[in-house]
PDB file of N, CA and C in Angstrom:
ATOM      1  N   UNK A   1      94.809  96.035  36.270  1.00  0.00           N
ATOM      2  CA  UNK A   1      94.004  96.443  35.140  1.00  0.00           C
ATOM      3  C   UNK A   1      93.068  95.319  34.748  1.00  0.00           C
ATOM      4  N   UNK A   2      91.895  95.689  34.294  1.00  0.00           N
ATOM      5  CA  UNK A   2      90.936  94.708  33.814  1.00  0.00           C
ATOM      6  C   UNK A   2      91.267  94.442  32.361  1.00  0.00           C
ATOM      7  N   UNK A   3      91.560  93.191  32.023  1.00  0.00           N
ATOM      8  CA  UNK A   3      91.928  92.843  30.661  1.00  0.00           C
ATOM      9  C   UNK A   3      90.737  92.192  29.987  1.00  0.00           C
ATOM     10  N   UNK A   4      90.421  92.683  28.805  1.00  0.00           N
ATOM     11  CA  UNK A   4      89.329  92.091  28.045  1.00  0.00           C
ATOM     12  C   UNK A   4      89.664  92.180  26.574  1.00  0.00           C
ATOM     13  N   UNK A   5      89.057  91.329  25.795  1.00  0.00           N
ATOM     14  CA  UNK A   5      89.242  91.392  24.352  1.00  0.00           C
ATOM     15  C   UNK A   5      87.996  91.968  23.728  1.00  0.00           C
ATOM     16  N   UNK A   6      88.159  92.452  22.505  1.00  0.00           N
ATOM     17  CA  UNK A   6      87.019  93.064  21.833  1.00  0.00           C
ATOM     18  C   UNK A   6      85.969  92.033  21.466  1.00  0.00           C
ATOM     19  N   UNK A   7      86.385  90.776  21.285  1.00  0.00           N
ATOM     20  CA  UNK A   7      85.413  89.768  20.884  1.00  0.00           C
ATOM     21  C   UNK A   7      84.520  89.332  22.044  1.00  0.00           C
ATOM     22  N   UNK A   8      85.071  89.335  23.279  1.00  0.00           N
ATOM     23  CA  UNK A   8      84.282  88.874  24.409  1.00  0.00           C
ATOM     24  C   UNK A   8      83.616  90.009  25.168  1.00  0.00           C
ATOM     25  N   UNK A   9      84.036  91.265  24.945  1.00  0.00           N
ATOM     26  CA  UNK A   9      83.436  92.394  25.645  1.00  0.00           C
ATOM     27  C   UNK A   9      84.086  92.607  27.004  1.00  0.00           C
ATOM     28  N   UNK A  10      83.518  93.491  27.805  1.00  0.00           N
ATOM     29  CA  UNK A  10      84.085  93.822  29.107  1.00  0.00           C
ATOM     30  C   UNK A  10      83.782  92.722  30.115  1.00  0.00           C
ATOM     31  N   UNK A  11      84.676  92.605  31.088  1.00  0.00           N
ATOM     32  CA  UNK A  11      84.445  91.628  32.146  1.00  0.00           C
ATOM     33  C   UNK A  11      83.413  92.173  33.125  1.00  0.00           C
ATOM     34  N   UNK A  12      83.069  91.401  34.133  1.00  0.00           N
ATOM     35  CA  UNK A  12      82.002  91.772  35.044  1.00  0.00           C
ATOM     36  C   UNK A  12      82.436  92.742  36.133  1.00  0.00           C
ATOM     37  N   UNK A  13      83.742  93.053  36.240  1.00  0.00           N
ATOM     38  CA  UNK A  13      84.196  93.944  37.295  1.00  0.00           C
ATOM     39  C   UNK A  13      83.773  95.378  37.003  1.00  0.00           C
ATOM     40  N   UNK A  14      83.535  96.127  38.079  1.00  0.00           N
ATOM     41  CA  UNK A  14      83.071  97.502  37.964  1.00  0.00           C
ATOM     42  C   UNK A  14      83.962  98.367  38.840  1.00  0.00           C
ATOM     43  N   UNK A  15      84.266  99.572  38.385  1.00  0.00           N
ATOM     44  CA  UNK A  15      85.109 100.497  39.120  1.00  0.00           C
ATOM     45  C   UNK A  15      84.310 101.090  40.280  1.00  0.00           C
ATOM     46  N   UNK A  16      84.618 100.660  41.505  1.00  0.00           N
ATOM     47  CA  UNK A  16      83.847 101.074  42.687  1.00  0.00           C
ATOM     48  C   UNK A  16      84.104 102.525  43.070  1.00  0.00           C
ATOM     49  N   UNK A  17      85.303 103.051  42.746  1.00  0.00           N
ATOM     50  CA  UNK A  17      85.626 104.416  43.155  1.00  0.00           C
ATOM     51  C   UNK A  17      84.832 105.460  42.373  1.00  0.00           C
ATOM     52  N   UNK A  18      84.234 105.060  41.268  1.00  0.00           N
ATOM     53  CA  UNK A  18      83.465 106.000  40.453  1.00  0.00           C
ATOM     54  C   UNK A  18      81.976 105.696  40.504  1.00  0.00           C
ATOM     55  N   UNK A  19      81.468 105.384  41.683  1.00  0.00           N
ATOM     56  CA  UNK A  19      80.065 105.003  41.816  1.00  0.00           C
ATOM     57  C   UNK A  19      79.132 106.133  41.396  1.00  0.00           C
ATOM     58  N   UNK A  20      79.460 107.372  41.776  1.00  0.00           N
ATOM     59  CA  UNK A  20      78.598 108.496  41.415  1.00  0.00           C
ATOM     60  C   UNK A  20      78.631 108.753  39.909  1.00  0.00           C
ATOM     61  N   UNK A  21      79.764 108.492  39.274  1.00  0.00           N
ATOM     62  CA  UNK A  21      79.873 108.670  37.828  1.00  0.00           C
ATOM     63  C   UNK A  21      79.069 107.596  37.098  1.00  0.00           C
ATOM     64  N   UNK A  22      79.104 106.378  37.643  1.00  0.00           N
ATOM     65  CA  UNK A  22      78.344 105.291  37.016  1.00  0.00           C
ATOM     66  C   UNK A  22      76.849 105.553  37.085  1.00  0.00           C
ATOM     67  N   UNK A  23      76.396 106.208  38.157  1.00  0.00           N
ATOM     68  CA  UNK A  23      74.985 106.578  38.236  1.00  0.00           C
ATOM     69  C   UNK A  23      74.613 107.541  37.117  1.00  0.00           C
ATOM     70  N   UNK A  24      75.541 108.462  36.792  1.00  0.00           N
ATOM     71  CA  UNK A  24      75.293 109.415  35.713  1.00  0.00           C
ATOM     72  C   UNK A  24      75.244 108.689  34.375  1.00  0.00           C
ATOM     73  N   UNK A  25      76.172 107.717  34.190  1.00  0.00           N
ATOM     74  CA  UNK A  25      76.220 106.972  32.927  1.00  0.00           C
ATOM     75  C   UNK A  25      74.946 106.163  32.748  1.00  0.00           C
ATOM     76  N   UNK A  26      74.574 105.417  33.762  1.00  0.00           N
ATOM     77  CA  UNK A  26      73.433 104.513  33.650  1.00  0.00           C
ATOM     78  C   UNK A  26      72.098 105.245  33.663  1.00  0.00           C
ATOM     79  N   UNK A  27      72.045 106.403  34.295  1.00  0.00           N
ATOM     80  CA  UNK A  27      70.791 107.134  34.377  1.00  0.00           C
ATOM     81  C   UNK A  27      70.617 108.169  33.292  1.00  0.00           C
ATOM     82  N   UNK A  28      71.625 108.299  32.403  1.00  0.00           N
ATOM     83  CA  UNK A  28      71.551 109.342  31.390  1.00  0.00           C
ATOM     84  C   UNK A  28      70.590 108.949  30.268  1.00  0.00           C
ATOM     85  N   UNK A  29      70.170 109.957  29.542  1.00  0.00           N
ATOM     86  CA  UNK A  29      69.272 109.749  28.420  1.00  0.00           C
ATOM     87  C   UNK A  29      70.013 109.052  27.288  1.00  0.00           C
ATOM     88  N   UNK A  30      69.259 108.530  26.345  1.00  0.00           N
ATOM     89  CA  UNK A  30      69.893 107.919  25.182  1.00  0.00           C
ATOM     90  C   UNK A  30      70.480 109.025  24.303  1.00  0.00           C
ATOM     91  N   UNK A  31      71.469 108.644  23.526  1.00  0.00           N
ATOM     92  CA  UNK A  31      72.168 109.599  22.673  1.00  0.00           C
ATOM     93  C   UNK A  31      71.236 110.088  21.573  1.00  0.00           C
ATOM     94  N   UNK A  32      71.167 111.399  21.381  1.00  0.00           N
ATOM     95  CA  UNK A  32      70.275 111.966  20.370  1.00  0.00           C
ATOM     96  C   UNK A  32      70.869 111.750  18.985  1.00  0.00           C
ATOM     97  N   UNK A  33      70.036 111.332  18.055  1.00  0.00           N
ATOM     98  CA  UNK A  33      70.465 111.101  16.681  1.00  0.00           C
ATOM     99  C   UNK A  33      70.055 112.314  15.853  1.00  0.00           C
ATOM    100  N   UNK A  34      71.023 112.945  15.221  1.00  0.00           N
ATOM    101  CA  UNK A  34      70.751 114.111  14.390  1.00  0.00           C
ATOM    102  C   UNK A  34      70.686 113.670  12.934  1.00  0.00           C
ATOM    103  N   UNK A  35      69.499 113.830  12.344  1.00  0.00           N
ATOM    104  CA  UNK A  35      69.315 113.457  10.948  1.00  0.00           C
ATOM    105  C   UNK A  35      69.456 114.700  10.080  1.00  0.00           C
ATOM    106  N   UNK A  36      69.933 114.492   8.867  1.00  0.00           N
ATOM    107  CA  UNK A  36      70.151 115.581   7.940  1.00  0.00           C
ATOM    108  C   UNK A  36      68.817 116.159   7.463  1.00  0.00           C
ATOM    109  N   UNK A  37      68.791 117.476   7.287  1.00  0.00           N
ATOM    110  CA  UNK A  37      67.593 118.165   6.817  1.00  0.00           C
ATOM    111  C   UNK A  37      67.200 117.650   5.433  1.00  0.00           C
ATOM    112  N   UNK A  38      65.936 117.316   5.254  1.00  0.00           N
ATOM    113  CA  UNK A  38      65.358 116.795   4.007  1.00  0.00           C
ATOM    114  C   UNK A  38      65.785 115.364   3.688  1.00  0.00           C
ATOM    115  N   UNK A  39      66.360 114.648   4.664  1.00  0.00           N
ATOM    116  CA  UNK A  39      66.755 113.266   4.379  1.00  0.00           C
ATOM    117  C   UNK A  39      65.538 112.360   4.254  1.00  0.00           C
ATOM    118  N   UNK A  40      64.430 112.718   4.876  1.00  0.00           N
ATOM    119  CA  UNK A  40      63.222 111.933   4.741  1.00  0.00           C
ATOM    120  C   UNK A  40      62.418 112.284   3.503  1.00  0.00           C
ATOM    121  N   UNK A  41      62.722 113.426   2.911  1.00  0.00           N
ATOM    122  CA  UNK A  41      61.958 113.900   1.761  1.00  0.00           C
ATOM    123  C   UNK A  41      62.543 113.429   0.434  1.00  0.00           C
ATOM    124  N   UNK A  42      63.869 113.369   0.364  1.00  0.00           N
ATOM    125  CA  UNK A  42      64.532 113.002  -0.884  1.00  0.00           C
ATOM    126  C   UNK A  42      65.418 111.777  -0.678  1.00  0.00           C
ATOM    127  N   UNK A  43      65.373 110.830  -1.629  1.00  0.00           N
ATOM    128  CA  UNK A  43      66.207 109.629  -1.542  1.00  0.00           C
ATOM    129  C   UNK A  43      67.680 109.969  -1.731  1.00  0.00           C
ATOM    130  N   UNK A  44      67.988 111.006  -2.504  1.00  0.00           N
ATOM    131  CA  UNK A  44      69.376 111.342  -2.811  1.00  0.00           C
ATOM    132  C   UNK A  44      70.100 111.997  -1.625  1.00  0.00           C
ATOM    133  N   UNK A  45      69.331 112.415  -0.608  1.00  0.00           N
ATOM    134  CA  UNK A  45      69.933 113.044   0.571  1.00  0.00           C
ATOM    135  C   UNK A  45      70.033 111.992   1.665  1.00  0.00           C
ATOM    136  N   UNK A  46      71.264 111.641   2.041  1.00  0.00           N
ATOM    137  CA  UNK A  46      71.454 110.604   3.061  1.00  0.00           C
ATOM    138  C   UNK A  46      71.124 111.150   4.443  1.00  0.00           C
ATOM    139  N   UNK A  47      70.907 110.253   5.397  1.00  0.00           N
ATOM    140  CA  UNK A  47      70.488 110.661   6.739  1.00  0.00           C
ATOM    141  C   UNK A  47      71.645 111.146   7.600  1.00  0.00           C
ATOM    142  N   UNK A  48      72.889 110.884   7.185  1.00  0.00           N
ATOM    143  CA  UNK A  48      74.030 111.298   8.012  1.00  0.00           C
ATOM    144  C   UNK A  48      74.113 112.820   8.062  1.00  0.00           C
ATOM    145  N   UNK A  49      74.418 113.347   9.243  1.00  0.00           N
ATOM    146  CA  UNK A  49      74.328 114.780   9.484  1.00  0.00           C
ATOM    147  C   UNK A  49      75.317 115.571   8.639  1.00  0.00           C
ATOM    148  N   UNK A  50      74.831 116.632   8.001  1.00  0.00           N
ATOM    149  CA  UNK A  50      75.644 117.644   7.336  1.00  0.00           C
ATOM    150  C   UNK A  50      75.110 118.994   7.779  1.00  0.00           C
ATOM    151  N   UNK A  51      76.003 119.920   8.050  1.00  0.00           N
ATOM    152  CA  UNK A  51      75.569 121.232   8.508  1.00  0.00           C
ATOM    153  C   UNK A  51      74.937 121.995   7.346  1.00  0.00           C
ATOM    154  N   UNK A  52      73.720 122.535   7.552  1.00  0.00           N
ATOM    155  CA  UNK A  52      73.078 123.303   6.481  1.00  0.00           C
ATOM    156  C   UNK A  52      73.769 124.662   6.306  1.00  0.00           C
ATOM    157  N   UNK A  53      74.026 125.044   5.048  1.00  0.00           N
ATOM    158  CA  UNK A  53      74.765 126.283   4.781  1.00  0.00           C
ATOM    159  C   UNK A  53      74.014 127.252   3.866  1.00  0.00           C
ATOM    160  N   UNK A  54      72.779 126.929   3.519  1.00  0.00           N
ATOM    161  CA  UNK A  54      72.024 127.810   2.628  1.00  0.00           C
ATOM    162  C   UNK A  54      71.608 129.109   3.314  1.00  0.00           C
ATOM    163  N   UNK A  55      71.447 130.171   2.524  1.00  0.00           N
ATOM    164  CA  UNK A  55      71.130 131.474   3.119  1.00  0.00           C
ATOM    165  C   UNK A  55      69.709 131.519   3.672  1.00  0.00           C
ATOM    166  N   UNK A  56      68.811 130.715   3.129  1.00  0.00           N
ATOM    167  CA  UNK A  56      67.425 130.723   3.582  1.00  0.00           C
ATOM    168  C   UNK A  56      67.059 129.487   4.401  1.00  0.00           C
ATOM    169  N   UNK A  57      68.022 128.653   4.742  1.00  0.00           N
ATOM    170  CA  UNK A  57      67.727 127.384   5.387  1.00  0.00           C
ATOM    171  C   UNK A  57      67.163 127.606   6.784  1.00  0.00           C
ATOM    172  N   UNK A  58      66.009 127.005   7.054  1.00  0.00           N
ATOM    173  CA  UNK A  58      65.323 127.216   8.342  1.00  0.00           C
ATOM    174  C   UNK A  58      66.017 126.490   9.480  1.00  0.00           C
ATOM    175  N   UNK A  59      66.708 125.408   9.196  1.00  0.00           N
ATOM    176  CA  UNK A  59      67.431 124.700  10.254  1.00  0.00           C
ATOM    177  C   UNK A  59      68.622 125.536  10.707  1.00  0.00           C
ATOM    178  N   UNK A  60      69.365 126.095   9.757  1.00  0.00           N
ATOM    179  CA  UNK A  60      70.518 126.928  10.096  1.00  0.00           C
ATOM    180  C   UNK A  60      70.098 128.185  10.855  1.00  0.00           C
ATOM    181  N   UNK A  61      68.940 128.747  10.477  1.00  0.00           N
ATOM    182  CA  UNK A  61      68.455 129.958  11.152  1.00  0.00           C
ATOM    183  C   UNK A  61      67.754 129.661  12.465  1.00  0.00           C
ATOM    184  N   UNK A  62      67.565 128.351  12.789  1.00  0.00           N
ATOM    185  CA  UNK A  62      66.966 127.897  14.053  1.00  0.00           C
ATOM    186  C   UNK A  62      65.547 128.435  14.238  1.00  0.00           C
ATOM    187  N   UNK A  63      64.734 128.315  13.200  1.00  0.00           N
ATOM    188  CA  UNK A  63      63.348 128.738  13.295  1.00  0.00           C
ATOM    189  C   UNK A  63      62.531 127.739  14.108  1.00  0.00           C
ATOM    190  N   UNK A  64      61.416 128.206  14.634  1.00  0.00           N
ATOM    191  CA  UNK A  64      60.564 127.350  15.455  1.00  0.00           C
ATOM    192  C   UNK A  64      60.007 126.204  14.628  1.00  0.00           C
ATOM    193  N   UNK A  65      60.067 124.998  15.159  1.00  0.00           N
ATOM    194  CA  UNK A  65      59.559 123.827  14.474  1.00  0.00           C
ATOM    195  C   UNK A  65      60.579 123.124  13.605  1.00  0.00           C
ATOM    196  N   UNK A  66      61.748 123.728  13.392  1.00  0.00           N
ATOM    197  CA  UNK A  66      62.784 123.088  12.584  1.00  0.00           C
ATOM    198  C   UNK A  66      63.564 122.099  13.449  1.00  0.00           C
ATOM    199  N   UNK A  67      64.241 121.150  12.796  1.00  0.00           N
ATOM    200  CA  UNK A  67      65.023 120.171  13.556  1.00  0.00           C
ATOM    201  C   UNK A  67      66.209 120.865  14.212  1.00  0.00           C
ATOM    202  N   UNK A  68      66.699 120.266  15.314  1.00  0.00           N
ATOM    203  CA  UNK A  68      67.811 120.871  16.048  1.00  0.00           C
ATOM    204  C   UNK A  68      69.144 120.494  15.421  1.00  0.00           C
ATOM    205  N   UNK A  69      70.085 121.410  15.519  1.00  0.00           N
ATOM    206  CA  UNK A  69      71.438 121.137  15.062  1.00  0.00           C
ATOM    207  C   UNK A  69      72.276 120.685  16.256  1.00  0.00           C
ATOM    208  N   UNK A  70      73.288 119.843  16.034  1.00  0.00           N
ATOM    209  CA  UNK A  70      74.156 119.439  17.132  1.00  0.00           C
ATOM    210  C   UNK A  70      74.923 120.638  17.679  1.00  0.00           C
ATOM    211  N   UNK A  71      75.207 120.603  18.968  1.00  0.00           N
ATOM    212  CA  UNK A  71      75.945 121.699  19.584  1.00  0.00           C
ATOM    213  C   UNK A  71      76.483 121.303  20.944  1.00  0.00           C
ATOM    214  N   UNK A  72      77.014 122.281  21.654  1.00  0.00           N
ATOM    215  CA  UNK A  72      77.620 122.035  22.955  1.00  0.00           C
ATOM    216  C   UNK A  72      76.647 121.450  23.965  1.00  0.00           C
ATOM    217  N   UNK A  73      75.399 121.835  23.877  1.00  0.00           N
ATOM    218  CA  UNK A  73      74.430 121.412  24.894  1.00  0.00           C
ATOM    219  C   UNK A  73      74.147 119.917  24.858  1.00  0.00           C
ATOM    220  N   UNK A  74      74.566 119.227  23.804  1.00  0.00           N
ATOM    221  CA  UNK A  74      74.341 117.791  23.706  1.00  0.00           C
ATOM    222  C   UNK A  74      75.573 116.977  24.076  1.00  0.00           C
ATOM    223  N   UNK A  75      76.650 117.631  24.526  1.00  0.00           N
ATOM    224  CA  UNK A  75      77.879 116.920  24.873  1.00  0.00           C
ATOM    225  C   UNK A  75      77.736 116.216  26.214  1.00  0.00           C
ATOM    226  N   UNK A  76      78.579 115.206  26.428  1.00  0.00           N
ATOM    227  CA  UNK A  76      78.601 114.493  27.695  1.00  0.00           C
ATOM    228  C   UNK A  76      79.312 115.328  28.753  1.00  0.00           C
ATOM    229  N   UNK A  77      79.083 114.987  30.024  1.00  0.00           N
ATOM    230  CA  UNK A  77      79.820 115.624  31.101  1.00  0.00           C
ATOM    231  C   UNK A  77      81.289 115.240  30.990  1.00  0.00           C
ATOM    232  N   UNK A  78      82.208 116.140  31.344  1.00  0.00           N
ATOM    233  CA  UNK A  78      83.629 115.833  31.215  1.00  0.00           C
ATOM    234  C   UNK A  78      84.079 114.632  32.045  1.00  0.00           C
ATOM    235  N   UNK A  79      83.470 114.410  33.214  1.00  0.00           N
ATOM    236  CA  UNK A  79      83.905 113.279  34.031  1.00  0.00           C
ATOM    237  C   UNK A  79      83.373 111.942  33.509  1.00  0.00           C
ATOM    238  N   UNK A  80      82.363 111.976  32.648  1.00  0.00           N
ATOM    239  CA  UNK A  80      81.788 110.754  32.097  1.00  0.00           C
ATOM    240  C   UNK A  80      82.379 110.434  30.722  1.00  0.00           C
ATOM    241  N   UNK A  81      82.952 111.437  30.078  1.00  0.00           N
ATOM    242  CA  UNK A  81      83.449 111.277  28.714  1.00  0.00           C
ATOM    243  C   UNK A  81      84.555 110.223  28.664  1.00  0.00           C
ATOM    244  N   UNK A  82      84.543 109.407  27.645  1.00  0.00           N
ATOM    245  CA  UNK A  82      85.521 108.342  27.368  1.00  0.00           C
ATOM    246  C   UNK A  82      85.454 107.171  28.343  1.00  0.00           C
ATOM    247  N   UNK A  83      84.440 107.091  29.198  1.00  0.00           N
ATOM    248  CA  UNK A  83      84.318 105.949  30.097  1.00  0.00           C
ATOM    249  C   UNK A  83      83.457 104.873  29.454  1.00  0.00           C
ATOM    250  N   UNK A  84      83.830 103.615  29.668  1.00  0.00           N
ATOM    251  CA  UNK A  84      82.986 102.529  29.192  1.00  0.00           C
ATOM    252  C   UNK A  84      81.884 102.281  30.222  1.00  0.00           C
ATOM    253  N   UNK A  85      80.912 101.432  29.955  1.00  0.00           N
ATOM    254  CA  UNK A  85      79.797 101.241  30.894  1.00  0.00           C
ATOM    255  C   UNK A  85      80.209 100.752  32.280  1.00  0.00           C
ATOM    256  N   UNK A  86      81.388 100.134  32.398  1.00  0.00           N
ATOM    257  CA  UNK A  86      81.854  99.683  33.711  1.00  0.00           C
ATOM    258  C   UNK A  86      82.541 100.801  34.486  1.00  0.00           C
ATOM    259  N   UNK A  87      82.801 101.947  33.861  1.00  0.00           N
ATOM    260  CA  UNK A  87      83.408 103.078  34.541  1.00  0.00           C
ATOM    261  C   UNK A  87      84.910 103.181  34.364  1.00  0.00           C
ATOM    262  N   UNK A  88      85.495 102.448  33.438  1.00  0.00           N
ATOM    263  CA  UNK A  88      86.934 102.492  33.200  1.00  0.00           C
ATOM    264  C   UNK A  88      87.229 103.192  31.886  1.00  0.00           C
ATOM    265  N   UNK A  89      88.414 103.809  31.799  1.00  0.00           N
ATOM    266  CA  UNK A  89      88.901 104.345  30.538  1.00  0.00           C
ATOM    267  C   UNK A  89      89.665 103.227  29.833  1.00  0.00           C
ATOM    268  N   UNK A  90      89.370 103.006  28.559  1.00  0.00           N
ATOM    269  CA  UNK A  90      89.980 101.899  27.841  1.00  0.00           C
ATOM    270  C   UNK A  90      91.310 102.321  27.218  1.00  0.00           C
ATOM    271  N   UNK A  91      92.322 101.450  27.361  1.00  0.00           N
ATOM    272  CA  UNK A  91      93.641 101.673  26.790  1.00  0.00           C
ATOM    273  C   UNK A  91      93.942 100.505  25.864  1.00  0.00           C
ATOM    274  N   UNK A  92      94.340 100.793  24.633  1.00  0.00           N
ATOM    275  CA  UNK A  92      94.658  99.738  23.683  1.00  0.00           C
ATOM    276  C   UNK A  92      96.042  99.177  23.960  1.00  0.00           C
ATOM    277  N   UNK A  93      96.156  97.863  23.937  1.00  0.00           N
ATOM    278  CA  UNK A  93      97.397  97.172  24.261  1.00  0.00           C
ATOM    279  C   UNK A  93      97.763  96.278  23.085  1.00  0.00           C
ATOM    280  N   UNK A  94      99.051  96.353  22.662  1.00  0.00           N
ATOM    281  CA  UNK A  94      99.508  95.533  21.543  1.00  0.00           C
ATOM    282  C   UNK A  94     100.492  94.458  21.978  1.00  0.00           C
ATOM    283  N   UNK A  95     101.158  94.651  23.132  1.00  0.00           N
ATOM    284  CA  UNK A  95     102.105  93.648  23.623  1.00  0.00           C
ATOM    285  C   UNK A  95     102.191  93.723  25.137  1.00  0.00           C
ATOM    286  N   UNK A  96     103.015  92.875  25.727  1.00  0.00           N
ATOM    287  CA  UNK A  96     103.122  92.795  27.186  1.00  0.00           C
ATOM    288  C   UNK A  96     103.716  94.070  27.770  1.00  0.00           C
ATOM    289  N   UNK A  97     104.622  94.726  27.036  1.00  0.00           N
ATOM    290  CA  UNK A  97     105.265  95.946  27.533  1.00  0.00           C
ATOM    291  C   UNK A  97     104.268  97.094  27.689  1.00  0.00           C
ATOM    292  N   UNK A  98     103.197  97.073  26.928  1.00  0.00           N
ATOM    293  CA  UNK A  98     102.186  98.125  27.053  1.00  0.00           C
ATOM    294  C   UNK A  98     101.407  98.029  28.362  1.00  0.00           C
ATOM    295  N   UNK A  99     101.464  96.889  29.045  1.00  0.00           N
ATOM    296  CA  UNK A  99     100.763  96.719  30.325  1.00  0.00           C
ATOM    297  C   UNK A  99     101.523  97.327  31.503  1.00  0.00           C
ATOM    298  N   UNK A 100     102.826  97.594  31.343  1.00  0.00           N
ATOM    299  CA  UNK A 100     103.651  98.101  32.449  1.00  0.00           C
ATOM    300  C   UNK A 100     103.138  99.417  33.034  1.00  0.00           C
ATOM    301  N   UNK A 101     102.824 100.439  32.205  1.00  0.00           N
ATOM    302  CA  UNK A 101     102.322 101.690  32.800  1.00  0.00           C
ATOM    303  C   UNK A 101     100.990 101.520  33.526  1.00  0.00           C
ATOM    304  N   UNK A 102     100.208 100.513  33.141  1.00  0.00           N
ATOM    305  CA  UNK A 102      98.895 100.325  33.756  1.00  0.00           C
ATOM    306  C   UNK A 102      98.978  99.719  35.155  1.00  0.00           C
ATOM    307  N   UNK A 103     100.116  99.153  35.520  1.00  0.00           N
ATOM    308  CA  UNK A 103     100.238  98.529  36.841  1.00  0.00           C
ATOM    309  C   UNK A 103     100.128  99.557  37.959  1.00  0.00           C
ATOM    310  N   UNK A 104     100.609 100.775  37.722  1.00  0.00           N
ATOM    311  CA  UNK A 104     100.564 101.821  38.747  1.00  0.00           C
ATOM    312  C   UNK A 104      99.199 102.494  38.822  1.00  0.00           C
ATOM    313  N   UNK A 105      98.488 102.576  37.708  1.00  0.00           N
ATOM    314  CA  UNK A 105      97.219 103.313  37.658  1.00  0.00           C
ATOM    315  C   UNK A 105      96.078 102.389  37.276  1.00  0.00           C
ATOM    316  N   UNK A 106      96.070 101.184  37.815  1.00  0.00           N
ATOM    317  CA  UNK A 106      95.109 100.182  37.366  1.00  0.00           C
ATOM    318  C   UNK A 106      93.710 100.366  37.932  1.00  0.00           C
ATOM    319  N   UNK A 107      93.466 101.382  38.767  1.00  0.00           N
ATOM    320  CA  UNK A 107      92.126 101.535  39.326  1.00  0.00           C
ATOM    321  C   UNK A 107      91.154 102.193  38.354  1.00  0.00           C
ATOM    322  N   UNK A 108      91.675 102.967  37.388  1.00  0.00           N
ATOM    323  CA  UNK A 108      90.792 103.720  36.502  1.00  0.00           C
ATOM    324  C   UNK A 108      90.861 103.297  35.052  1.00  0.00           C
ATOM    325  N   UNK A 109      91.764 102.395  34.699  1.00  0.00           N
ATOM    326  CA  UNK A 109      91.970 102.053  33.300  1.00  0.00           C
ATOM    327  C   UNK A 109      91.757 100.564  33.058  1.00  0.00           C
ATOM    328  N   UNK A 110      91.239 100.236  31.885  1.00  0.00           N
ATOM    329  CA  UNK A 110      91.054  98.850  31.470  1.00  0.00           C
ATOM    330  C   UNK A 110      91.823  98.634  30.175  1.00  0.00           C
ATOM    331  N   UNK A 111      92.563  97.531  30.100  1.00  0.00           N
ATOM    332  CA  UNK A 111      93.340  97.225  28.903  1.00  0.00           C
ATOM    333  C   UNK A 111      92.460  96.475  27.907  1.00  0.00           C
ATOM    334  N   UNK A 112      92.497  96.916  26.671  1.00  0.00           N
ATOM    335  CA  UNK A 112      91.767  96.260  25.593  1.00  0.00           C
ATOM    336  C   UNK A 112      92.795  95.868  24.539  1.00  0.00           C
ATOM    337  N   UNK A 113      92.807  94.602  24.178  1.00  0.00           N
ATOM    338  CA  UNK A 113      93.782  94.111  23.214  1.00  0.00           C
ATOM    339  C   UNK A 113      93.421  94.612  21.822  1.00  0.00           C
ATOM    340  N   UNK A 114      94.426  95.105  21.112  1.00  0.00           N
ATOM    341  CA  UNK A 114      94.200  95.648  19.773  1.00  0.00           C
ATOM    342  C   UNK A 114      93.682  94.584  18.820  1.00  0.00           C
ATOM    343  N   UNK A 115      93.020  95.038  17.781  1.00  0.00           N
ATOM    344  CA  UNK A 115      92.369  94.139  16.827  1.00  0.00           C
ATOM    345  C   UNK A 115      93.360  93.271  16.065  1.00  0.00           C
ATOM    346  N   UNK A 116      94.517  93.846  15.715  1.00  0.00           N
ATOM    347  CA  UNK A 116      95.458  93.141  14.858  1.00  0.00           C
ATOM    348  C   UNK A 116      96.405  92.202  15.576  1.00  0.00           C
ATOM    349  N   UNK A 117      96.257  92.033  16.894  1.00  0.00           N
ATOM    350  CA  UNK A 117      97.160  91.170  17.657  1.00  0.00           C
ATOM    351  C   UNK A 117      96.772  89.717  17.430  1.00  0.00           C
ATOM    352  N   UNK A 118      97.786  88.876  17.184  1.00  0.00           N
ATOM    353  CA  UNK A 118      97.534  87.471  16.894  1.00  0.00           C
ATOM    354  C   UNK A 118      97.261  86.656  18.146  1.00  0.00           C
ATOM    355  N   UNK A 119      96.967  85.370  17.950  1.00  0.00           N
ATOM    356  CA  UNK A 119      96.565  84.487  19.051  1.00  0.00           C
ATOM    357  C   UNK A 119      97.704  84.268  20.035  1.00  0.00           C
ATOM    358  N   UNK A 120      98.947  84.112  19.547  1.00  0.00           N
ATOM    359  CA  UNK A 120     100.069  83.827  20.438  1.00  0.00           C
ATOM    360  C   UNK A 120     100.325  84.996  21.388  1.00  0.00           C
ATOM    361  N   UNK A 121     100.308  86.222  20.846  1.00  0.00           N
ATOM    362  CA  UNK A 121     100.530  87.390  21.710  1.00  0.00           C
ATOM    363  C   UNK A 121      99.355  87.628  22.637  1.00  0.00           C
ATOM    364  N   UNK A 122      98.133  87.314  22.195  1.00  0.00           N
ATOM    365  CA  UNK A 122      96.966  87.468  23.065  1.00  0.00           C
ATOM    366  C   UNK A 122      97.106  86.590  24.316  1.00  0.00           C
ATOM    367  N   UNK A 123      97.617  85.373  24.130  1.00  0.00           N
ATOM    368  CA  UNK A 123      97.822  84.469  25.266  1.00  0.00           C
ATOM    369  C   UNK A 123      98.866  85.047  26.216  1.00  0.00           C
ATOM    370  N   UNK A 124      99.944  85.640  25.667  1.00  0.00           N
ATOM    371  CA  UNK A 124     100.990  86.248  26.502  1.00  0.00           C
ATOM    372  C   UNK A 124     100.453  87.434  27.288  1.00  0.00           C
ATOM    373  N   UNK A 125      99.608  88.243  26.661  1.00  0.00           N
ATOM    374  CA  UNK A 125      99.072  89.431  27.330  1.00  0.00           C
ATOM    375  C   UNK A 125      98.120  89.045  28.460  1.00  0.00           C
ATOM    376  N   UNK A 126      97.263  88.078  28.206  1.00  0.00           N
ATOM    377  CA  UNK A 126      96.300  87.664  29.226  1.00  0.00           C
ATOM    378  C   UNK A 126      97.015  86.888  30.304  1.00  0.00           C
TER     379      UNK A 126
END
């Protein structure tokens, strides 16, 4: 397993068995940001997305020229979902015993040390 901490980021190793998946990750478009309707018009309306529920709302009715609502068509591919940029699925580790299951399946998973783990245990895990 590739061991990395959250403070230093991922190591330089890359999962070679998922080369075609990495092409999808690296070649994909940037993530679309959905802004809340009227967030640019009124200061009291924050930009974080809320689903419009009004009976006359043009965004909810999907009229031409209105902003798009989030939906299934903006989801990631299932084989790319939950992968980090190196192509591994990240598993949180709190102690040395949590590394045991990763020894058998270490080709697809990367261990990430939990935030609350102290310095002494971090040294033991690495």
